[in-house]
């Protein structure tokens, strides 16, 4: 990123209190990727930031960057679109938290991420409108893992290389990053060939075609727990949003 002042569309993925009035804010953009910044007096200055940090939304942020500094200096912001519908349902709120936490966890600082940014906005928009929230979260999680470089191998056994065949038994294994046949598996998540083919389709479709995808409850039940297990295995920790969804009595589609 060049030194100087920048203004860009963004989604805030995390914020941490710093001192009495400041916030350390993590946000993602198409141009600059994952950025962390210091918003001085953000908790008191409604004029400069308004509701930018209050709830999930698409915002516009102005910030300054100096070479050699880890944090940019956030100067002001405004809300472009607030996804108010997300907060009306605890499960949907949990899904949005999971989406933001996944982006925050998987992407390195200052690495442009246009596809991941567009995917996140797609996910939040659908959650806001109540469009099949569990399905939306499943599709988002699977696609995001691929964009982060951890796409599950679902076309063939990761051990012997035999291709998916409806006549065989299959399972998904987090420690292998994907598929295992009956001869090479054991202890994984059982999955049908149809679910594997659907996962492969989701991984390759253009973003503007994802709205056409329909994921059955059975496919989500089979492959969803694997996605969260793969995430835990990759990150080496549990996600807070997953625990929240369990606490309200509804497991996430990818947990």
C-alpha atoms as a PDB file:
ATOM      1  CA  UNK A   1       0.000   0.000   0.000  1.00  0.00           C
ATOM      2  CA  UNK A   2       1.300   3.457  -0.876  1.00  0.00           C
ATOM      3  CA  UNK A   3       1.794   6.072   1.791  1.00  0.00           C
ATOM      4  CA  UNK A   4      -0.827   8.759   2.037  1.00  0.00           C
ATOM      5  CA  UNK A   5      -4.549   9.111   2.421  1.00  0.00           C
ATOM      6  CA  UNK A   6      -6.958   6.533   1.052  1.00  0.00           C
ATOM      7  CA  UNK A   7     -10.725   6.220   0.836  1.00  0.00           C
ATOM      8  CA  UNK A   8     -12.356   2.876   0.104  1.00  0.00           C
ATOM      9  CA  UNK A   9     -15.406   0.670   0.559  1.00  0.00           C
ATOM     10  CA  UNK A  10     -14.925  -1.848   3.352  1.00  0.00           C
ATOM     11  CA  UNK A  11     -16.510  -4.360   5.696  1.00  0.00           C
ATOM     12  CA  UNK A  12     -15.460  -4.240   9.341  1.00  0.00           C
ATOM     13  CA  UNK A  13     -14.646  -7.767  10.529  1.00  0.00           C
ATOM     14  CA  UNK A  14     -13.392  -7.115  14.057  1.00  0.00           C
ATOM     15  CA  UNK A  15     -12.926  -4.333  16.588  1.00  0.00           C
ATOM     16  CA  UNK A  16     -11.153  -4.227  19.945  1.00  0.00           C
ATOM     17  CA  UNK A  17     -11.370  -1.576  22.649  1.00  0.00           C
ATOM     18  CA  UNK A  18      -8.130   0.340  23.103  1.00  0.00           C
ATOM     19  CA  UNK A  19      -7.858   2.705  26.032  1.00  0.00           C
ATOM     20  CA  UNK A  20     -10.877   4.683  27.140  1.00  0.00           C
ATOM     21  CA  UNK A  21     -12.129   5.951  23.781  1.00  0.00           C
ATOM     22  CA  UNK A  22     -10.148   4.346  20.946  1.00  0.00           C
ATOM     23  CA  UNK A  23     -10.768   1.247  18.834  1.00  0.00           C
ATOM     24  CA  UNK A  24      -8.421  -1.036  16.944  1.00  0.00           C
ATOM     25  CA  UNK A  25     -10.417  -2.025  13.874  1.00  0.00           C
ATOM     26  CA  UNK A  26      -9.844  -4.841  11.377  1.00  0.00           C
ATOM     27  CA  UNK A  27     -11.540  -4.344   8.020  1.00  0.00           C
ATOM     28  CA  UNK A  28     -11.368  -5.835   4.532  1.00  0.00           C
ATOM     29  CA  UNK A  29     -11.412  -4.120   1.153  1.00  0.00           C
ATOM     30  CA  UNK A  30     -11.148  -5.119  -2.492  1.00  0.00           C
ATOM     31  CA  UNK A  31      -8.063  -2.983  -3.118  1.00  0.00           C
ATOM     32  CA  UNK A  32      -5.973  -3.409   0.034  1.00  0.00           C
ATOM     33  CA  UNK A  33      -7.176  -6.706   1.473  1.00  0.00           C
ATOM     34  CA  UNK A  34      -7.137  -7.148   5.242  1.00  0.00           C
ATOM     35  CA  UNK A  35      -6.240  -3.902   7.047  1.00  0.00           C
ATOM     36  CA  UNK A  36      -5.910  -3.009  10.723  1.00  0.00           C
ATOM     37  CA  UNK A  37      -6.267   0.555  11.902  1.00  0.00           C
ATOM     38  CA  UNK A  38      -6.524   2.756  14.963  1.00  0.00           C
ATOM     39  CA  UNK A  39      -9.688   4.840  15.244  1.00  0.00           C
ATOM     40  CA  UNK A  40      -8.919   7.483  17.863  1.00  0.00           C
ATOM     41  CA  UNK A  41     -11.881   8.642  19.977  1.00  0.00           C
ATOM     42  CA  UNK A  42     -14.146   6.371  17.881  1.00  0.00           C
ATOM     43  CA  UNK A  43     -16.306   5.526  20.881  1.00  0.00           C
ATOM     44  CA  UNK A  44     -17.089   9.200  21.462  1.00  0.00           C
ATOM     45  CA  UNK A  45     -16.907  10.801  18.021  1.00  0.00           C
ATOM     46  CA  UNK A  46     -20.306  10.229  16.408  1.00  0.00           C
ATOM     47  CA  UNK A  47     -19.552  12.995  13.908  1.00  0.00           C
ATOM     48  CA  UNK A  48     -16.528  11.240  12.383  1.00  0.00           C
ATOM     49  CA  UNK A  49     -17.691   7.617  12.460  1.00  0.00           C
ATOM     50  CA  UNK A  50     -21.423   7.504  13.197  1.00  0.00           C
ATOM     51  CA  UNK A  51     -22.582   3.842  13.263  1.00  0.00           C
ATOM     52  CA  UNK A  52     -19.721   2.551  11.118  1.00  0.00           C
ATOM     53  CA  UNK A  53     -18.519   0.136  13.805  1.00  0.00           C
ATOM     54  CA  UNK A  54     -21.900  -0.667  15.357  1.00  0.00           C
ATOM     55  CA  UNK A  55     -23.191  -3.567  13.230  1.00  0.00           C
ATOM     56  CA  UNK A  56     -22.402  -5.552  10.058  1.00  0.00           C
ATOM     57  CA  UNK A  57     -22.484  -3.300   7.032  1.00  0.00           C
ATOM     58  CA  UNK A  58     -20.827  -2.048   3.902  1.00  0.00           C
ATOM     59  CA  UNK A  59     -19.040   1.168   4.817  1.00  0.00           C
ATOM     60  CA  UNK A  60     -16.712   3.766   3.359  1.00  0.00           C
ATOM     61  CA  UNK A  61     -13.563   4.496   5.364  1.00  0.00           C
ATOM     62  CA  UNK A  62     -10.955   7.223   5.026  1.00  0.00           C
ATOM     63  CA  UNK A  63      -7.542   6.440   6.478  1.00  0.00           C
ATOM     64  CA  UNK A  64      -3.883   7.414   6.277  1.00  0.00           C
ATOM     65  CA  UNK A  65      -0.971   5.005   5.929  1.00  0.00           C
ATOM     66  CA  UNK A  66       2.671   5.589   6.813  1.00  0.00           C
ATOM     67  CA  UNK A  67       5.429   3.167   5.796  1.00  0.00           C
ATOM     68  CA  UNK A  68       6.717   0.929   8.562  1.00  0.00           C
ATOM     69  CA  UNK A  69       3.578   1.159  10.704  1.00  0.00           C
ATOM     70  CA  UNK A  70       1.391  -1.854  11.410  1.00  0.00           C
ATOM     71  CA  UNK A  71      -1.767   0.191  11.904  1.00  0.00           C
ATOM     72  CA  UNK A  72      -3.282   2.733   9.572  1.00  0.00           C
ATOM     73  CA  UNK A  73      -4.891   5.830  11.074  1.00  0.00           C
ATOM     74  CA  UNK A  74      -8.660   5.845  10.575  1.00  0.00           C
ATOM     75  CA  UNK A  75      -9.948   9.367  10.085  1.00  0.00           C
ATOM     76  CA  UNK A  76     -13.652   9.084   9.290  1.00  0.00           C
ATOM     77  CA  UNK A  77     -16.281   6.768   7.915  1.00  0.00           C
ATOM     78  CA  UNK A  78     -19.847   6.493   6.781  1.00  0.00           C
ATOM     79  CA  UNK A  79     -22.318   3.659   6.290  1.00  0.00           C
ATOM     80  CA  UNK A  80     -23.121   2.748   2.682  1.00  0.00           C
ATOM     81  CA  UNK A  81     -25.475  -0.071   3.576  1.00  0.00           C
ATOM     82  CA  UNK A  82     -26.384  -1.402   6.992  1.00  0.00           C
ATOM     83  CA  UNK A  83     -27.474  -5.039   7.064  1.00  0.00           C
ATOM     84  CA  UNK A  84     -30.151  -4.458   9.713  1.00  0.00           C
ATOM     85  CA  UNK A  85     -32.012  -7.676   8.946  1.00  0.00           C
ATOM     86  CA  UNK A  86     -29.166  -9.774  10.307  1.00  0.00           C
ATOM     87  CA  UNK A  87     -29.805  -8.757  13.917  1.00  0.00           C
ATOM     88  CA  UNK A  88     -33.449  -9.858  13.854  1.00  0.00           C
ATOM     89  CA  UNK A  89     -32.612 -13.538  14.290  1.00  0.00           C
ATOM     90  CA  UNK A  90     -30.015 -15.005  16.655  1.00  0.00           C
ATOM     91  CA  UNK A  91     -29.022 -17.783  14.258  1.00  0.00           C
ATOM     92  CA  UNK A  92     -28.536 -15.387  11.341  1.00  0.00           C
ATOM     93  CA  UNK A  93     -26.546 -13.077  13.618  1.00  0.00           C
ATOM     94  CA  UNK A  94     -24.362 -16.048  14.508  1.00  0.00           C
ATOM     95  CA  UNK A  95     -23.873 -16.904  10.839  1.00  0.00           C
ATOM     96  CA  UNK A  96     -22.782 -13.339  10.056  1.00  0.00           C
ATOM     97  CA  UNK A  97     -20.340 -13.464  12.959  1.00  0.00           C
ATOM     98  CA  UNK A  98     -18.946 -16.716  11.609  1.00  0.00           C
ATOM     99  CA  UNK A  99     -18.494 -15.212   8.132  1.00  0.00           C
ATOM    100  CA  UNK A 100     -16.659 -12.167   9.515  1.00  0.00           C
ATOM    101  CA  UNK A 101     -14.496 -14.309  11.810  1.00  0.00           C
ATOM    102  CA  UNK A 102     -13.504 -16.625   8.961  1.00  0.00           C
ATOM    103  CA  UNK A 103     -12.380 -13.702   6.801  1.00  0.00           C
ATOM    104  CA  UNK A 104     -10.516 -12.147   9.721  1.00  0.00           C
ATOM    105  CA  UNK A 105      -8.736 -15.420  10.479  1.00  0.00           C
ATOM    106  CA  UNK A 106      -7.725 -16.613   7.032  1.00  0.00           C
ATOM    107  CA  UNK A 107      -6.429 -13.571   5.169  1.00  0.00           C
ATOM    108  CA  UNK A 108      -3.035 -11.937   5.585  1.00  0.00           C
ATOM    109  CA  UNK A 109      -2.648  -8.163   5.991  1.00  0.00           C
ATOM    110  CA  UNK A 110      -2.495  -5.892   2.943  1.00  0.00           C
ATOM    111  CA  UNK A 111      -2.986  -8.652   0.385  1.00  0.00           C
ATOM    112  CA  UNK A 112      -5.646  -7.542  -2.145  1.00  0.00           C
ATOM    113  CA  UNK A 113      -8.644  -9.864  -1.939  1.00  0.00           C
ATOM    114  CA  UNK A 114     -11.337  -8.735  -4.421  1.00  0.00           C
ATOM    115  CA  UNK A 115     -12.952 -12.174  -4.759  1.00  0.00           C
ATOM    116  CA  UNK A 116     -13.115 -12.755  -1.014  1.00  0.00           C
ATOM    117  CA  UNK A 117     -14.486  -9.250  -0.439  1.00  0.00           C
ATOM    118  CA  UNK A 118     -17.208  -9.738  -3.054  1.00  0.00           C
ATOM    119  CA  UNK A 119     -18.042 -13.151  -1.589  1.00  0.00           C
ATOM    120  CA  UNK A 120     -18.388 -11.659   1.909  1.00  0.00           C
ATOM    121  CA  UNK A 121     -20.723  -8.915   0.664  1.00  0.00           C
ATOM    122  CA  UNK A 122     -22.740 -11.589  -1.201  1.00  0.00           C
ATOM    123  CA  UNK A 123     -23.049 -13.602   2.010  1.00  0.00           C
ATOM    124  CA  UNK A 124     -24.049 -10.640   4.209  1.00  0.00           C
ATOM    125  CA  UNK A 125     -26.578  -9.458   1.633  1.00  0.00           C
ATOM    126  CA  UNK A 126     -28.289 -12.855   1.535  1.00  0.00           C
ATOM    127  CA  UNK A 127     -28.279 -13.173   5.325  1.00  0.00           C
ATOM    128  CA  UNK A 128     -29.746  -9.677   5.593  1.00  0.00           C
ATOM    129  CA  UNK A 129     -32.574 -10.634   3.213  1.00  0.00           C
ATOM    130  CA  UNK A 130     -33.128 -14.011   4.883  1.00  0.00           C
ATOM    131  CA  UNK A 131     -32.284 -16.027   1.768  1.00  0.00           C
ATOM    132  CA  UNK A 132     -31.781 -19.614   2.998  1.00  0.00           C
ATOM    133  CA  UNK A 133     -29.305 -18.616   5.751  1.00  0.00           C
ATOM    134  CA  UNK A 134     -27.916 -22.101   6.468  1.00  0.00           C
ATOM    135  CA  UNK A 135     -27.330 -22.757   2.777  1.00  0.00           C
ATOM    136  CA  UNK A 136     -25.745 -19.317   2.343  1.00  0.00           C
ATOM    137  CA  UNK A 137     -23.324 -19.993   5.185  1.00  0.00           C
ATOM    138  CA  UNK A 138     -22.408 -23.415   3.824  1.00  0.00           C
ATOM    139  CA  UNK A 139     -21.655 -22.063   0.348  1.00  0.00           C
ATOM    140  CA  UNK A 140     -19.710 -19.109   1.745  1.00  0.00           C
ATOM    141  CA  UNK A 141     -17.579 -21.278   4.035  1.00  0.00           C
ATOM    142  CA  UNK A 142     -16.679 -23.740   1.290  1.00  0.00           C
ATOM    143  CA  UNK A 143     -15.811 -20.998  -1.216  1.00  0.00           C
ATOM    144  CA  UNK A 144     -13.813 -18.962   1.297  1.00  0.00           C
ATOM    145  CA  UNK A 145     -11.626 -21.930   2.209  1.00  0.00           C
ATOM    146  CA  UNK A 146     -10.740 -22.238  -1.471  1.00  0.00           C
ATOM    147  CA  UNK A 147      -9.912 -18.536  -1.808  1.00  0.00           C
ATOM    148  CA  UNK A 148      -7.682 -18.815   1.272  1.00  0.00           C
ATOM    149  CA  UNK A 149      -5.772 -21.725  -0.293  1.00  0.00           C
ATOM    150  CA  UNK A 150      -7.405 -24.532   1.683  1.00  0.00           C
ATOM    151  CA  UNK A 151      -9.971 -25.841  -0.797  1.00  0.00           C
ATOM    152  CA  UNK A 152     -11.072 -29.362   0.206  1.00  0.00           C
ATOM    153  CA  UNK A 153     -10.127 -32.074  -2.282  1.00  0.00           C
ATOM    154  CA  UNK A 154     -13.477 -33.599  -3.246  1.00  0.00           C
ATOM    155  CA  UNK A 155     -12.855 -35.079  -6.700  1.00  0.00           C
ATOM    156  CA  UNK A 156     -10.649 -38.035  -5.763  1.00  0.00           C
ATOM    157  CA  UNK A 157      -9.162 -39.860  -2.783  1.00  0.00           C
ATOM    158  CA  UNK A 158      -6.287 -37.852  -1.323  1.00  0.00           C
ATOM    159  CA  UNK A 159      -4.366 -41.085  -0.613  1.00  0.00           C
ATOM    160  CA  UNK A 160      -4.746 -43.363  -3.640  1.00  0.00           C
ATOM    161  CA  UNK A 161      -6.157 -40.911  -6.187  1.00  0.00           C
ATOM    162  CA  UNK A 162      -9.194 -42.965  -7.212  1.00  0.00           C
ATOM    163  CA  UNK A 163     -11.983 -40.720  -8.570  1.00  0.00           C
ATOM    164  CA  UNK A 164     -15.388 -40.309  -6.956  1.00  0.00           C
ATOM    165  CA  UNK A 165     -17.707 -43.203  -7.775  1.00  0.00           C
ATOM    166  CA  UNK A 166     -21.301 -43.455  -6.583  1.00  0.00           C
ATOM    167  CA  UNK A 167     -20.849 -47.185  -5.977  1.00  0.00           C
ATOM    168  CA  UNK A 168     -18.153 -46.655  -3.320  1.00  0.00           C
ATOM    169  CA  UNK A 169     -18.222 -45.362   0.243  1.00  0.00           C
ATOM    170  CA  UNK A 170     -16.512 -42.041   0.913  1.00  0.00           C
ATOM    171  CA  UNK A 171     -15.523 -39.908   3.848  1.00  0.00           C
ATOM    172  CA  UNK A 172     -14.024 -36.469   4.378  1.00  0.00           C
ATOM    173  CA  UNK A 173     -10.976 -36.224   6.648  1.00  0.00           C
ATOM    174  CA  UNK A 174      -9.812 -32.818   7.998  1.00  0.00           C
ATOM    175  CA  UNK A 175      -6.217 -33.955   8.543  1.00  0.00           C
ATOM    176  CA  UNK A 176      -5.961 -34.880   4.857  1.00  0.00           C
ATOM    177  CA  UNK A 177      -7.735 -31.792   3.622  1.00  0.00           C
ATOM    178  CA  UNK A 178     -10.400 -33.753   1.813  1.00  0.00           C
ATOM    179  CA  UNK A 179     -11.596 -37.062   0.537  1.00  0.00           C
ATOM    180  CA  UNK A 180     -10.737 -40.635   1.420  1.00  0.00           C
ATOM    181  CA  UNK A 181     -12.168 -43.802  -0.126  1.00  0.00           C
ATOM    182  CA  UNK A 182     -13.278 -46.799   1.913  1.00  0.00           C
ATOM    183  CA  UNK A 183      -9.906 -48.515   1.445  1.00  0.00           C
ATOM    184  CA  UNK A 184      -7.898 -45.489   2.609  1.00  0.00           C
ATOM    185  CA  UNK A 185     -10.267 -43.960   5.147  1.00  0.00           C
ATOM    186  CA  UNK A 186     -11.533 -44.570   8.647  1.00  0.00           C
ATOM    187  CA  UNK A 187     -12.796 -42.168  11.289  1.00  0.00           C
ATOM    188  CA  UNK A 188     -13.823 -39.393   8.911  1.00  0.00           C
ATOM    189  CA  UNK A 189     -17.146 -37.765   8.018  1.00  0.00           C
ATOM    190  CA  UNK A 190     -19.279 -40.062   5.867  1.00  0.00           C
ATOM    191  CA  UNK A 191     -20.458 -38.389   2.679  1.00  0.00           C
ATOM    192  CA  UNK A 192     -22.367 -39.394  -0.455  1.00  0.00           C
ATOM    193  CA  UNK A 193     -20.983 -39.001  -3.960  1.00  0.00           C
ATOM    194  CA  UNK A 194     -23.811 -36.564  -4.752  1.00  0.00           C
ATOM    195  CA  UNK A 195     -22.746 -34.225  -1.964  1.00  0.00           C
ATOM    196  CA  UNK A 196     -19.155 -34.347  -3.183  1.00  0.00           C
ATOM    197  CA  UNK A 197     -20.174 -33.393  -6.708  1.00  0.00           C
ATOM    198  CA  UNK A 198     -22.223 -30.496  -5.353  1.00  0.00           C
ATOM    199  CA  UNK A 199     -19.215 -29.294  -3.343  1.00  0.00           C
ATOM    200  CA  UNK A 200     -17.098 -29.428  -6.480  1.00  0.00           C
ATOM    201  CA  UNK A 201     -19.689 -27.364  -8.337  1.00  0.00           C
ATOM    202  CA  UNK A 202     -19.799 -24.725  -5.587  1.00  0.00           C
ATOM    203  CA  UNK A 203     -16.018 -24.438  -5.690  1.00  0.00           C
ATOM    204  CA  UNK A 204     -15.947 -23.655  -9.412  1.00  0.00           C
ATOM    205  CA  UNK A 205     -19.075 -21.612 -10.182  1.00  0.00           C
ATOM    206  CA  UNK A 206     -18.651 -17.865 -10.805  1.00  0.00           C
ATOM    207  CA  UNK A 207     -19.942 -15.710  -7.975  1.00  0.00           C
ATOM    208  CA  UNK A 208     -22.852 -14.406 -10.041  1.00  0.00           C
ATOM    209  CA  UNK A 209     -24.072 -17.991 -10.523  1.00  0.00           C
ATOM    210  CA  UNK A 210     -24.029 -19.002  -6.847  1.00  0.00           C
ATOM    211  CA  UNK A 211     -27.603 -17.814  -6.294  1.00  0.00           C
ATOM    212  CA  UNK A 212     -28.740 -20.719  -8.470  1.00  0.00           C
ATOM    213  CA  UNK A 213     -27.223 -23.316  -6.142  1.00  0.00           C
ATOM    214  CA  UNK A 214     -29.512 -25.366  -3.918  1.00  0.00           C
ATOM    215  CA  UNK A 215     -27.943 -27.379  -1.112  1.00  0.00           C
ATOM    216  CA  UNK A 216     -30.031 -30.091   0.500  1.00  0.00           C
ATOM    217  CA  UNK A 217     -30.249 -30.513   4.265  1.00  0.00           C
ATOM    218  CA  UNK A 218     -28.624 -33.915   3.850  1.00  0.00           C
ATOM    219  CA  UNK A 219     -25.633 -32.486   1.986  1.00  0.00           C
ATOM    220  CA  UNK A 220     -25.141 -29.825   4.670  1.00  0.00           C
ATOM    221  CA  UNK A 221     -25.467 -32.425   7.416  1.00  0.00           C
ATOM    222  CA  UNK A 222     -22.835 -34.614   5.743  1.00  0.00           C
ATOM    223  CA  UNK A 223     -20.284 -32.024   4.635  1.00  0.00           C
ATOM    224  CA  UNK A 224     -20.953 -29.120   7.007  1.00  0.00           C
ATOM    225  CA  UNK A 225     -19.270 -30.651  10.084  1.00  0.00           C
ATOM    226  CA  UNK A 226     -16.206 -31.437   7.965  1.00  0.00           C
ATOM    227  CA  UNK A 227     -15.829 -27.786   6.918  1.00  0.00           C
ATOM    228  CA  UNK A 228     -15.711 -26.622  10.511  1.00  0.00           C
ATOM    229  CA  UNK A 229     -13.397 -29.469  11.506  1.00  0.00           C
ATOM    230  CA  UNK A 230     -11.088 -28.542   8.625  1.00  0.00           C
ATOM    231  CA  UNK A 231     -11.167 -24.921   9.788  1.00  0.00           C
ATOM    232  CA  UNK A 232     -10.274 -25.931  13.355  1.00  0.00           C
ATOM    233  CA  UNK A 233      -7.492 -28.185  12.079  1.00  0.00           C
ATOM    234  CA  UNK A 234      -6.076 -25.423   9.859  1.00  0.00           C
ATOM    235  CA  UNK A 235      -6.288 -22.582  12.387  1.00  0.00           C
ATOM    236  CA  UNK A 236      -5.481 -24.694  15.425  1.00  0.00           C
ATOM    237  CA  UNK A 237      -8.349 -23.210  17.427  1.00  0.00           C
ATOM    238  CA  UNK A 238     -12.109 -23.040  17.817  1.00  0.00           C
ATOM    239  CA  UNK A 239     -14.000 -20.062  16.417  1.00  0.00           C
ATOM    240  CA  UNK A 240     -15.937 -17.924  18.910  1.00  0.00           C
ATOM    241  CA  UNK A 241     -18.952 -17.658  16.615  1.00  0.00           C
ATOM    242  CA  UNK A 242     -19.228 -21.442  16.434  1.00  0.00           C
ATOM    243  CA  UNK A 243     -19.466 -21.586  20.231  1.00  0.00           C
ATOM    244  CA  UNK A 244     -22.131 -18.849  20.172  1.00  0.00           C
ATOM    245  CA  UNK A 245     -24.244 -20.829  17.713  1.00  0.00           C
ATOM    246  CA  UNK A 246     -23.958 -23.907  19.911  1.00  0.00           C
ATOM    247  CA  UNK A 247     -24.931 -21.894  23.000  1.00  0.00           C
ATOM    248  CA  UNK A 248     -28.179 -20.710  21.421  1.00  0.00           C
ATOM    249  CA  UNK A 249     -29.007 -24.334  20.629  1.00  0.00           C
ATOM    250  CA  UNK A 250     -28.485 -24.340  16.880  1.00  0.00           C
ATOM    251  CA  UNK A 251     -25.348 -25.780  15.388  1.00  0.00           C
ATOM    252  CA  UNK A 252     -23.896 -23.926  12.385  1.00  0.00           C
ATOM    253  CA  UNK A 253     -24.214 -25.628   8.986  1.00  0.00           C
ATOM    254  CA  UNK A 254     -20.464 -26.013   8.984  1.00  0.00           C
ATOM    255  CA  UNK A 255     -19.971 -27.215  12.532  1.00  0.00           C
END
